[in-house]
Protein backbone atom coordinates (compact mmCIF):
# COMPACT_ATOMS: atom_id res chain seq x y z
CA MET A 1 32.46 118.74 122.63
CA LEU A 2 35.34 120.50 120.88
CA GLU A 3 34.63 123.69 122.79
CA SER A 4 34.94 121.89 126.11
CA LEU A 5 38.30 120.44 125.03
CA LEU A 6 39.55 123.91 124.12
CA GLU A 7 39.07 124.92 127.75
CA PHE A 8 41.87 122.48 128.63
CA LYS A 9 44.18 123.62 125.83
CA PHE A 10 46.81 124.88 128.28
CA ILE A 11 46.93 121.49 130.02
CA PHE A 12 47.27 119.61 126.72
CA VAL A 13 50.05 121.93 125.53
CA GLY A 14 51.87 121.52 128.87
CA LEU A 15 51.58 117.74 128.70
CA ALA A 16 52.84 117.72 125.11
CA TRP A 17 55.88 119.85 126.04
CA GLY A 18 56.51 117.68 129.09
CA SER A 19 56.47 114.52 127.01
CA LEU A 20 58.86 116.10 124.48
CA VAL A 21 61.27 117.08 127.27
CA LEU A 22 61.06 113.58 128.79
CA PHE A 23 61.76 112.05 125.38
CA ILE A 24 64.88 114.18 124.88
CA VAL A 25 66.08 113.52 128.42
CA SER A 26 65.51 109.77 127.97
CA LEU A 27 67.71 109.80 124.86
CA ALA A 28 70.60 111.04 127.00
CA VAL A 29 69.93 109.35 130.33
CA ILE A 30 69.09 105.79 129.25
CA PRO A 31 72.44 105.06 127.53
CA TRP A 32 74.27 106.55 130.52
CA LEU A 33 72.30 104.36 132.95
CA VAL A 34 72.85 101.23 130.84
CA THR A 35 76.61 101.78 130.92
CA LYS A 36 76.54 102.15 134.73
CA ILE A 37 75.04 98.67 135.30
CA PRO A 38 77.73 96.21 136.43
CA ALA A 39 78.23 93.47 133.82
CA ASP A 40 77.31 90.72 136.30
CA TYR A 41 74.30 92.52 137.86
CA PHE A 42 71.77 90.07 136.35
CA HIS A 43 73.95 86.97 136.74
CA GLU A 44 72.62 85.87 140.15
CA GLU A 45 69.15 84.38 140.44
CA ARG A 46 68.47 86.42 143.57
CA ARG A 47 69.70 89.89 144.40
CA ARG A 48 72.36 90.12 147.07
CA ARG A 49 71.05 91.93 150.14
CA ASP A 50 72.97 94.49 152.13
CA SER A 51 73.21 93.15 155.68
CA THR A 52 73.91 96.49 157.38
CA GLY A 53 70.45 96.53 158.95
CA GLU A 54 68.96 99.93 159.74
CA ARG A 55 68.97 102.83 157.32
CA SER A 56 69.55 106.41 158.37
CA LEU A 57 66.77 108.96 158.14
CA TYR A 58 68.56 110.54 155.17
CA LEU A 59 68.60 107.23 153.26
CA GLN A 60 64.94 106.61 154.08
CA LEU A 61 63.99 110.06 152.77
CA LEU A 62 66.08 109.48 149.66
CA LEU A 63 64.39 106.12 149.10
CA GLY A 64 60.96 107.72 149.55
CA PHE A 65 61.85 110.45 147.06
CA LYS A 66 63.08 107.84 144.56
CA ASN A 67 59.82 105.89 144.90
CA LEU A 68 57.81 109.10 144.51
CA CYS A 69 59.71 109.94 141.32
CA GLY A 70 59.02 106.40 140.06
CA CYS A 71 55.28 106.83 140.71
CA LEU A 72 55.32 110.19 138.94
CA LEU A 73 57.06 108.67 135.90
CA ILE A 74 54.51 105.85 135.78
CA LEU A 75 51.67 108.39 135.82
CA LEU A 76 53.36 110.49 133.13
CA GLY A 77 53.94 107.35 131.08
CA LEU A 78 50.24 106.48 131.29
CA VAL A 79 49.39 109.98 130.06
CA MET A 80 51.94 109.61 127.23
CA LEU A 81 50.17 106.49 126.01
CA VAL A 82 47.54 108.84 124.56
CA LEU A 83 49.76 111.90 124.03
CA PRO A 84 53.00 112.13 122.06
CA GLY A 85 55.93 110.64 123.93
CA GLN A 86 57.62 107.48 125.07
CA GLY A 87 54.82 106.16 127.29
CA ILE A 88 55.90 102.55 127.69
CA LEU A 89 59.56 103.48 128.13
CA THR A 90 58.64 106.05 130.79
CA ILE A 91 56.53 103.48 132.64
CA VAL A 92 59.42 100.98 132.59
CA ILE A 93 61.85 103.60 133.91
CA GLY A 94 59.37 104.45 136.67
CA LEU A 95 59.06 100.78 137.61
CA PHE A 96 62.84 100.39 137.73
CA LEU A 97 63.13 103.43 140.01
CA MET A 98 60.64 102.09 142.53
CA ASN A 99 61.26 99.44 145.19
CA PHE A 100 58.72 96.64 145.42
CA PRO A 101 58.75 92.87 146.00
CA GLY A 102 59.69 90.96 142.84
CA LYS A 103 61.37 93.94 141.18
CA TYR A 104 64.65 92.10 140.55
CA ARG A 105 62.81 89.13 138.98
CA LEU A 106 60.91 91.54 136.71
CA GLU A 107 64.12 93.33 135.69
CA ARG A 108 65.90 90.04 135.07
CA SER A 109 62.98 88.68 133.07
CA LEU A 110 62.91 91.76 130.83
CA VAL A 111 66.68 91.87 130.34
CA SER A 112 66.90 88.15 129.55
CA ARG A 113 64.79 88.60 126.42
CA PRO A 114 67.16 88.30 123.45
CA LYS A 115 66.16 91.53 121.69
CA VAL A 116 66.35 93.58 124.90
CA LEU A 117 69.69 92.05 125.89
CA ASP A 118 71.10 92.62 122.40
CA SER A 119 69.99 96.26 122.49
CA LEU A 120 71.49 96.84 125.93
CA ASN A 121 74.75 95.17 124.95
CA TRP A 122 74.88 97.25 121.76
CA ILE A 123 74.67 100.42 123.86
CA ARG A 124 77.35 99.05 126.19
CA ALA A 125 79.63 98.15 123.26
CA LYS A 126 79.37 101.73 121.95
CA ALA A 127 80.59 102.91 125.38
CA GLN A 128 83.33 100.24 125.39
CA LYS A 129 81.80 98.41 128.37
CA PRO A 130 81.65 94.61 128.71
CA PRO A 131 78.33 92.94 127.78
CA LEU A 132 75.76 92.11 130.44
CA ILE A 133 75.84 88.54 131.72
CA VAL A 134 72.40 87.10 132.42
CA GLY A 135 72.34 83.78 134.31
CA SER A 136 69.94 81.08 133.25
């Protein structure tokens, strides 16, 4: 059994390095993203829709790339559940990158939890940003 696992040593080492890199990147990117959220983003019960109608081909490709990156992060997060790394955090970031029905309700539900909201507002306070306002 151990011999068959040694055949995949290169893959395991690559996954371990990848999870370490994602962990370091997440330490820098997550606080930056939290400070970019408008303070009233979660205040409305429903997300405001852009009424411009059609999207250009460029925007559609960009949206597809963003969703693909979200899927990739979810897959990497699942792998990191058994390997070293921030598996759950990576899955959550992947979900937030993707577009799907009910995404705003999921985001709002997670952010409205007191410990999550306190943590996000702590990060925002360090960056001298106003706290997030979550409507009831």
